[in-house]
Amino acid sequence: MPLAAEDGAVAGHLRAVSPRIVAVIYTGGTIAHLFRLAVGFTWRDMPFFVDWILVLLGPIGAVGLVWLREEVLYRGWWEKATHWLIVVHLSVSVAVHFWILVAGSHRVLGFFPYGYSYAALAYFAFFAWRSWTMRLRPA
C-alpha cells in the first residue's frame, strides 16, 4: 500500500532520508573494506565511532526501507531480492554493532578473516550503488 498524506511527517521524513542513510552507510562500508585490504588493519584498529554511526543511523535506514517497500520502483526481481537482503544485512549489522558497544570490544569482528573483505567490498559496493540509485514512486 503506497504511503498516503495521512501517514504524516514520519513517513515523509523516512522517504526523504532513509534511502540516503542506507547509501551513506554502505558507501562508508565499501571504503572501510577497501582501506582494510589496502592497509591490513584488524578489528583491534577499528574506532568505536563507526559502531555509533551504525547503531544510530542503521535503524532509520532499515525501518525506512521496510516502510517504503511498496513505494520502490523495482527494476526487476533482482532488485526486490536485493532490497530485502539490504534490510536483513543492515538489521543484523545494527545488532552486531550494538553488541560491540555493550561489550566494549570489537573482538566479535575477529571472526571475519582478512579475505572476507574481498567479498564484503563487492557486496557493500553493490548495496551502496543500489541505494544511491533506488527510485521511488512520485510523492
Protein backbone atom coordinates (compact mmCIF):
# COMPACT_ATOMS: atom_id res chain seq x y z
CA MET A 1 0.00 0.00 0.00
CA PRO A 2 1.54 3.34 -1.05
CA LEU A 3 2.20 6.00 1.54
CA ALA A 4 -0.68 8.43 1.88
CA ALA A 5 -0.67 12.03 3.04
CA GLU A 6 -2.26 10.93 6.31
CA ASP A 7 0.83 8.84 7.08
CA GLY A 8 2.26 12.12 8.27
CA ALA A 9 5.58 13.67 8.89
CA VAL A 10 7.34 10.46 9.91
CA ALA A 11 6.60 8.84 6.56
CA GLY A 12 7.73 11.94 4.71
CA HIS A 13 10.92 12.08 6.74
CA LEU A 14 11.66 8.37 6.18
CA ARG A 15 11.01 8.81 2.46
CA ALA A 16 13.40 11.74 2.32
CA VAL A 17 16.28 10.39 4.39
CA SER A 18 16.30 6.61 4.73
CA PRO A 19 17.48 5.70 1.20
CA ARG A 20 20.34 8.22 1.52
CA ILE A 21 21.25 7.00 5.00
CA VAL A 22 21.50 3.43 3.68
CA ALA A 23 23.57 4.65 0.73
CA VAL A 24 25.97 6.53 3.02
CA ILE A 25 26.31 3.53 5.36
CA TYR A 26 27.16 1.15 2.52
CA THR A 27 29.46 3.67 0.84
CA GLY A 28 31.31 4.01 4.14
CA GLY A 29 31.47 0.22 4.47
CA THR A 30 32.87 -0.04 0.96
CA ILE A 31 35.58 2.47 1.82
CA ALA A 32 36.32 0.68 5.11
CA HIS A 33 36.79 -2.70 3.41
CA LEU A 34 38.89 -1.15 0.66
CA PHE A 35 41.01 0.50 3.34
CA ARG A 36 41.32 -2.80 5.21
CA LEU A 37 42.53 -4.53 2.05
CA ALA A 38 45.00 -1.73 1.29
CA VAL A 39 46.40 -1.25 4.79
CA GLY A 40 45.60 -4.52 6.55
CA PHE A 41 44.07 -3.13 9.72
CA THR A 42 42.28 -5.54 12.07
CA TRP A 43 39.32 -5.34 14.41
CA ARG A 44 41.70 -4.03 17.07
CA ASP A 45 42.23 -0.88 14.97
CA MET A 46 38.56 -0.05 14.41
CA PRO A 47 37.32 3.12 16.12
CA PHE A 48 34.07 2.98 18.12
CA PHE A 49 32.54 5.96 16.32
CA VAL A 50 31.81 3.58 13.42
CA ASP A 51 29.66 1.44 15.73
CA TRP A 52 27.81 4.53 16.96
CA ILE A 53 27.05 5.59 13.38
CA LEU A 54 25.62 2.15 12.60
CA VAL A 55 23.61 1.92 15.82
CA LEU A 56 22.15 5.42 15.49
CA LEU A 57 21.53 5.65 11.73
CA GLY A 58 21.12 2.00 10.73
CA PRO A 59 17.65 1.56 12.27
CA ILE A 60 16.38 4.65 10.45
CA GLY A 61 17.62 3.19 7.18
CA ALA A 62 16.26 -0.31 7.82
CA VAL A 63 12.85 0.87 9.05
CA GLY A 64 12.64 3.27 6.14
CA LEU A 65 13.34 0.51 3.62
CA VAL A 66 10.62 -1.65 5.14
CA TRP A 67 8.21 1.28 5.25
CA LEU A 68 8.96 2.23 1.63
CA ARG A 69 8.86 -1.31 0.23
CA GLU A 70 5.73 -0.60 -1.83
CA GLU A 71 6.99 2.82 -2.97
CA VAL A 72 10.10 1.46 -4.68
CA LEU A 73 10.03 1.29 -8.46
CA TYR A 74 11.83 -2.04 -8.69
CA ARG A 75 13.89 -2.70 -11.82
CA GLY A 76 13.12 -6.41 -11.66
CA TRP A 77 13.06 -9.37 -9.29
CA TRP A 78 16.78 -8.93 -8.59
CA GLU A 79 16.19 -5.51 -7.06
CA LYS A 80 13.35 -6.74 -4.87
CA ALA A 81 15.63 -9.54 -3.60
CA THR A 82 18.45 -7.03 -3.10
CA HIS A 83 16.12 -4.71 -1.19
CA TRP A 84 15.35 -7.42 1.37
CA LEU A 85 19.00 -8.56 1.54
CA ILE A 86 19.92 -5.00 2.45
CA VAL A 87 17.19 -4.85 5.11
CA VAL A 88 18.37 -8.13 6.68
CA HIS A 89 22.10 -7.31 6.43
CA LEU A 90 21.64 -3.81 7.82
CA SER A 91 19.45 -5.06 10.69
CA VAL A 92 21.96 -7.76 11.65
CA SER A 93 24.81 -5.24 11.36
CA VAL A 94 23.00 -2.86 13.72
CA ALA A 95 22.58 -5.70 16.24
CA VAL A 96 26.26 -6.70 15.97
CA HIS A 97 27.49 -3.14 16.36
CA PHE A 98 25.14 -2.59 19.31
CA TRP A 99 26.63 -5.68 20.93
CA ILE A 100 30.12 -4.30 20.27
CA LEU A 101 29.20 -1.11 22.11
CA VAL A 102 27.68 -3.03 25.02
CA ALA A 103 30.70 -5.35 25.24
CA GLY A 104 33.19 -2.53 24.71
CA SER A 105 35.18 -4.68 22.30
CA HIS A 106 35.44 -5.34 18.58
CA ARG A 107 36.63 -8.90 19.29
CA VAL A 108 33.50 -10.37 17.62
CA LEU A 109 34.75 -8.97 14.30
CA GLY A 110 37.80 -11.21 14.61
CA PHE A 111 35.52 -13.93 13.22
CA PHE A 112 35.88 -12.34 9.76
CA PRO A 113 39.23 -13.20 8.16
CA TYR A 114 41.15 -10.70 6.05
CA GLY A 115 39.94 -12.38 2.84
CA TYR A 116 36.31 -11.71 3.80
CA SER A 117 36.89 -8.07 2.89
CA TYR A 118 37.19 -9.01 -0.81
CA ALA A 119 33.62 -10.35 -0.81
CA ALA A 120 32.42 -7.57 1.52
CA LEU A 121 33.92 -4.95 -0.79
CA ALA A 122 31.87 -6.36 -3.67
CA TYR A 123 28.53 -6.60 -1.91
CA PHE A 124 28.95 -3.35 0.05
CA ALA A 125 29.68 -1.54 -3.23
CA PHE A 126 26.66 -3.21 -4.86
CA PHE A 127 24.40 -2.30 -1.92
CA ALA A 128 25.74 1.29 -2.00
CA TRP A 129 25.12 1.59 -5.75
CA ARG A 130 21.62 0.20 -5.42
CA SER A 131 20.82 2.55 -2.53
CA TRP A 132 22.11 5.62 -4.38
CA THR A 133 20.08 4.68 -7.48
CA MET A 134 16.89 3.43 -5.79
CA ARG A 135 13.84 5.05 -7.37
CA LEU A 136 10.58 5.78 -5.54
CA ARG A 137 7.11 6.48 -6.90
CA PRO A 138 6.34 10.19 -7.13
CA ALA A 139 5.09 11.55 -3.80
